[in-house]
């Protein structure tokens, strides 16, 4: 059985790893994350300008998370996620 597209063994033809600058921040969402497929689909809908589908997918994501307690704001993983987001923004701004 062939490895699924987008995997380490079968990268997508749009795989970004070879093109990443040494100082470019990135964030990986793995298939094991229960929200992974929905978040990637949301990204695709937004990129394609499909606002209605994006809205529906976001509502689905919110439903998936509604019954789970939020990660504490002092969680190291939570804080690092926001640090990566901030680093991405600063990296882009420095290259405009």
N, C-alpha and C. Protein backbone atom coordinates (compact mmCIF):
# COMPACT_ATOMS: atom_id res chain seq x y z
N UNK A 1 0.85 -1.19 0.00
CA UNK A 1 0.00 0.00 0.00
C UNK A 1 0.89 1.24 0.00
N UNK A 2 0.60 2.16 -0.89
CA UNK A 2 1.39 3.40 -1.00
C UNK A 2 1.08 4.33 0.17
N UNK A 3 2.08 5.08 0.56
CA UNK A 3 1.90 6.07 1.62
C UNK A 3 0.93 7.15 1.14
N UNK A 4 0.09 7.68 2.02
CA UNK A 4 -0.86 8.71 1.61
C UNK A 4 -0.16 10.00 1.18
N UNK A 5 -0.77 10.70 0.24
CA UNK A 5 -0.22 11.97 -0.21
C UNK A 5 -0.15 12.94 0.97
N UNK A 6 0.90 13.71 1.00
CA UNK A 6 1.09 14.67 2.09
C UNK A 6 1.80 14.07 3.29
N UNK A 7 2.26 12.84 3.16
CA UNK A 7 2.98 12.20 4.26
C UNK A 7 4.48 12.38 4.06
N UNK A 8 5.24 12.03 5.07
CA UNK A 8 6.69 12.12 5.00
C UNK A 8 7.23 11.24 3.86
N UNK A 9 6.62 10.07 3.68
CA UNK A 9 7.06 9.14 2.65
C UNK A 9 6.54 9.50 1.25
N UNK A 10 5.49 10.31 1.18
CA UNK A 10 4.89 10.70 -0.10
C UNK A 10 4.47 12.17 -0.03
N UNK A 11 5.44 13.08 -0.03
CA UNK A 11 5.11 14.51 0.10
C UNK A 11 4.23 15.00 -1.05
N UNK A 12 3.40 15.96 -0.73
CA UNK A 12 2.59 16.64 -1.74
C UNK A 12 3.52 17.35 -2.72
N UNK A 13 3.08 17.52 -3.95
CA UNK A 13 3.91 18.28 -4.89
C UNK A 13 4.01 19.74 -4.46
N UNK A 14 3.17 20.16 -3.52
CA UNK A 14 3.21 21.52 -2.99
C UNK A 14 3.90 21.57 -1.62
N UNK A 15 4.57 20.50 -1.23
CA UNK A 15 5.24 20.42 0.06
C UNK A 15 6.19 21.62 0.21
N UNK A 16 6.11 22.28 1.35
CA UNK A 16 6.88 23.50 1.55
C UNK A 16 8.23 23.29 2.22
N UNK A 17 8.47 22.14 2.81
CA UNK A 17 9.69 21.96 3.58
C UNK A 17 10.97 22.26 2.80
N UNK A 18 11.10 21.79 1.57
CA UNK A 18 12.35 22.09 0.85
C UNK A 18 12.55 23.60 0.58
N UNK A 19 11.43 24.35 0.57
CA UNK A 19 11.50 25.77 0.24
C UNK A 19 11.58 26.68 1.47
N UNK A 20 11.45 26.13 2.66
CA UNK A 20 11.49 26.96 3.87
C UNK A 20 12.84 27.64 4.02
N UNK A 21 12.80 28.93 4.30
CA UNK A 21 14.04 29.64 4.65
C UNK A 21 14.48 29.14 6.03
N UNK A 22 15.76 29.19 6.28
CA UNK A 22 16.28 28.70 7.57
C UNK A 22 15.64 29.41 8.76
N UNK A 23 15.25 30.67 8.59
CA UNK A 23 14.67 31.42 9.70
C UNK A 23 13.14 31.56 9.58
N UNK A 24 12.53 30.82 8.66
CA UNK A 24 11.08 30.95 8.46
C UNK A 24 10.31 30.08 9.45
N UNK A 25 9.46 30.69 10.27
CA UNK A 25 8.66 29.91 11.22
C UNK A 25 7.62 29.07 10.47
N UNK A 26 7.31 27.91 11.01
CA UNK A 26 6.25 27.07 10.43
C UNK A 26 5.53 26.34 11.55
N UNK A 27 4.37 25.79 11.22
CA UNK A 27 3.54 25.09 12.19
C UNK A 27 3.00 23.85 11.51
N UNK A 28 3.12 22.71 12.15
CA UNK A 28 2.67 21.45 11.57
C UNK A 28 1.41 20.98 12.30
N UNK A 29 0.41 20.59 11.52
CA UNK A 29 -0.79 19.98 12.08
C UNK A 29 -0.77 18.52 11.61
N UNK A 30 -0.64 17.62 12.55
CA UNK A 30 -0.54 16.20 12.23
C UNK A 30 -1.92 15.55 12.17
N UNK A 31 -2.02 14.48 11.41
CA UNK A 31 -3.29 13.77 11.23
C UNK A 31 -3.87 13.27 12.55
N UNK A 32 -3.02 13.01 13.54
CA UNK A 32 -3.50 12.53 14.83
C UNK A 32 -4.29 13.57 15.61
N UNK A 33 -4.15 14.83 15.26
CA UNK A 33 -4.92 15.90 15.92
C UNK A 33 -6.37 15.77 15.45
N UNK A 34 -7.33 15.66 16.38
CA UNK A 34 -8.73 15.47 15.98
C UNK A 34 -9.28 16.60 15.11
N UNK A 35 -8.67 17.77 15.15
CA UNK A 35 -9.15 18.90 14.34
C UNK A 35 -8.38 19.05 13.03
N UNK A 36 -7.37 18.24 12.81
CA UNK A 36 -6.46 18.43 11.69
C UNK A 36 -7.17 18.54 10.34
N UNK A 37 -7.95 17.55 9.98
CA UNK A 37 -8.56 17.57 8.65
C UNK A 37 -9.51 18.75 8.49
N UNK A 38 -10.25 19.07 9.53
CA UNK A 38 -11.18 20.20 9.45
C UNK A 38 -10.44 21.53 9.32
N UNK A 39 -9.32 21.68 10.03
CA UNK A 39 -8.54 22.92 9.95
C UNK A 39 -7.91 23.08 8.57
N UNK A 40 -7.42 22.00 8.00
CA UNK A 40 -6.83 22.06 6.66
C UNK A 40 -7.91 22.37 5.63
N UNK A 41 -9.08 21.77 5.79
CA UNK A 41 -10.19 22.06 4.88
C UNK A 41 -10.62 23.53 5.00
N UNK A 42 -10.67 24.05 6.22
CA UNK A 42 -11.00 25.46 6.43
C UNK A 42 -10.01 26.35 5.70
N UNK A 43 -8.73 26.04 5.83
CA UNK A 43 -7.68 26.79 5.15
C UNK A 43 -7.92 26.78 3.63
N UNK A 44 -8.27 25.62 3.09
CA UNK A 44 -8.51 25.50 1.65
C UNK A 44 -9.72 26.33 1.22
N UNK A 45 -10.80 26.27 1.98
CA UNK A 45 -11.99 27.06 1.64
C UNK A 45 -11.70 28.55 1.67
N UNK A 46 -10.98 29.00 2.67
CA UNK A 46 -10.64 30.42 2.77
C UNK A 46 -9.77 30.82 1.59
N UNK A 47 -8.76 30.02 1.27
CA UNK A 47 -7.87 30.31 0.15
C UNK A 47 -8.58 30.33 -1.19
N UNK A 48 -9.64 29.53 -1.31
CA UNK A 48 -10.40 29.46 -2.55
C UNK A 48 -11.51 30.52 -2.61
N UNK A 49 -11.62 31.31 -1.55
CA UNK A 49 -12.64 32.36 -1.53
C UNK A 49 -14.05 31.82 -1.34
N UNK A 50 -14.18 30.65 -0.78
CA UNK A 50 -15.49 30.04 -0.57
C UNK A 50 -15.96 30.35 0.85
N UNK A 51 -16.45 31.58 1.02
CA UNK A 51 -16.81 32.06 2.35
C UNK A 51 -17.89 31.22 3.02
N UNK A 52 -18.90 30.82 2.27
CA UNK A 52 -19.98 30.03 2.85
C UNK A 52 -19.49 28.69 3.37
N UNK A 53 -18.69 28.00 2.56
CA UNK A 53 -18.13 26.71 2.97
C UNK A 53 -17.19 26.90 4.16
N UNK A 54 -16.41 27.99 4.16
CA UNK A 54 -15.50 28.26 5.27
C UNK A 54 -16.30 28.50 6.56
N UNK A 55 -17.36 29.24 6.45
CA UNK A 55 -18.21 29.52 7.61
C UNK A 55 -18.78 28.21 8.17
N UNK A 56 -19.27 27.36 7.28
CA UNK A 56 -19.83 26.08 7.72
C UNK A 56 -18.77 25.19 8.37
N UNK A 57 -17.57 25.18 7.80
CA UNK A 57 -16.49 24.35 8.35
C UNK A 57 -16.08 24.88 9.74
N UNK A 58 -16.01 26.22 9.88
CA UNK A 58 -15.68 26.79 11.18
C UNK A 58 -16.74 26.43 12.22
N UNK A 59 -18.00 26.45 11.82
CA UNK A 59 -19.08 26.05 12.73
C UNK A 59 -18.90 24.59 13.14
N UNK A 60 -18.50 23.74 12.18
CA UNK A 60 -18.25 22.33 12.49
C UNK A 60 -17.10 22.19 13.49
N UNK A 61 -16.05 22.96 13.29
CA UNK A 61 -14.91 22.93 14.21
C UNK A 61 -15.34 23.36 15.61
N UNK A 62 -16.14 24.41 15.68
CA UNK A 62 -16.61 24.88 16.98
C UNK A 62 -17.47 23.81 17.66
N UNK A 63 -18.28 23.09 16.89
CA UNK A 63 -19.08 22.01 17.46
C UNK A 63 -18.19 20.89 17.99
N UNK A 64 -17.11 20.59 17.25
CA UNK A 64 -16.19 19.54 17.69
C UNK A 64 -15.51 19.89 19.01
N UNK A 65 -15.29 21.16 19.24
CA UNK A 65 -14.55 21.58 20.44
C UNK A 65 -15.46 22.00 21.60
N UNK A 66 -16.72 22.15 21.34
CA UNK A 66 -17.66 22.68 22.35
C UNK A 66 -17.67 21.86 23.64
N UNK A 67 -17.61 20.56 23.55
CA UNK A 67 -17.72 19.73 24.74
C UNK A 67 -16.40 19.45 25.44
N UNK A 68 -15.31 20.00 24.93
CA UNK A 68 -14.01 19.73 25.53
C UNK A 68 -13.55 20.94 26.32
N UNK A 69 -12.93 20.71 27.47
CA UNK A 69 -12.43 21.86 28.24
C UNK A 69 -11.29 22.53 27.47
N UNK A 70 -11.22 23.84 27.52
CA UNK A 70 -10.14 24.54 26.82
C UNK A 70 -8.79 24.26 27.47
N UNK A 71 -7.76 24.35 26.66
CA UNK A 71 -6.40 24.22 27.20
C UNK A 71 -6.15 25.44 28.09
N UNK A 72 -5.58 25.24 29.26
CA UNK A 72 -5.32 26.38 30.15
C UNK A 72 -4.41 27.41 29.47
N UNK A 73 -4.67 28.68 29.70
CA UNK A 73 -3.90 29.73 29.04
C UNK A 73 -2.44 29.74 29.48
N UNK A 74 -2.11 29.08 30.58
CA UNK A 74 -0.71 29.01 30.99
C UNK A 74 -0.02 27.73 30.49
N UNK A 75 -0.72 26.99 29.63
CA UNK A 75 -0.13 25.78 29.05
C UNK A 75 1.04 26.15 28.14
N UNK A 76 2.19 25.49 28.31
CA UNK A 76 3.34 25.80 27.45
C UNK A 76 3.04 25.60 25.95
N UNK A 77 2.24 24.58 25.64
CA UNK A 77 1.90 24.33 24.23
C UNK A 77 1.05 25.47 23.67
N UNK A 78 0.09 25.94 24.47
CA UNK A 78 -0.78 27.04 24.08
C UNK A 78 0.06 28.30 23.84
N UNK A 79 0.94 28.60 24.76
CA UNK A 79 1.79 29.80 24.64
C UNK A 79 2.72 29.70 23.43
N UNK A 80 3.28 28.52 23.19
CA UNK A 80 4.19 28.37 22.06
C UNK A 80 3.44 28.53 20.73
N UNK A 81 2.22 28.06 20.66
CA UNK A 81 1.42 28.22 19.44
C UNK A 81 1.26 29.70 19.11
N UNK A 82 0.93 30.51 20.10
CA UNK A 82 0.81 31.95 19.86
C UNK A 82 2.15 32.59 19.54
N UNK A 83 3.22 32.10 20.13
CA UNK A 83 4.56 32.62 19.82
C UNK A 83 4.91 32.34 18.35
N UNK A 84 4.55 31.15 17.87
CA UNK A 84 4.80 30.81 16.46
C UNK A 84 3.98 31.71 15.56
N UNK A 85 2.73 31.92 15.89
CA UNK A 85 1.86 32.80 15.11
C UNK A 85 2.46 34.20 15.02
N UNK A 86 2.91 34.71 16.14
CA UNK A 86 3.53 36.04 16.18
C UNK A 86 4.81 36.07 15.35
N UNK A 87 5.63 35.03 15.47
CA UNK A 87 6.88 34.96 14.70
C UNK A 87 6.59 34.94 13.20
N UNK A 88 5.53 34.25 12.80
CA UNK A 88 5.15 34.21 11.38
C UNK A 88 4.79 35.60 10.87
N UNK A 89 4.01 36.31 11.66
CA UNK A 89 3.60 37.66 11.28
C UNK A 89 4.81 38.58 11.15
N UNK A 90 5.71 38.53 12.14
CA UNK A 90 6.91 39.38 12.10
C UNK A 90 7.81 39.01 10.93
N UNK A 91 7.92 37.73 10.63
CA UNK A 91 8.75 37.26 9.51
C UNK A 91 8.22 37.81 8.20
N UNK A 92 6.89 37.72 8.01
CA UNK A 92 6.27 38.27 6.78
C UNK A 92 6.46 39.78 6.70
N UNK A 93 6.20 40.48 7.81
CA UNK A 93 6.32 41.94 7.83
C UNK A 93 7.74 42.39 7.47
N UNK A 94 8.74 41.65 7.89
CA UNK A 94 10.14 42.01 7.63
C UNK A 94 10.49 41.84 6.16
N UNK A 95 9.67 41.13 5.41
CA UNK A 95 9.96 40.86 4.00
C UNK A 95 9.05 41.60 3.04
N UNK A 96 8.25 42.51 3.54
CA UNK A 96 7.34 43.29 2.67
C UNK A 96 8.06 44.42 2.02
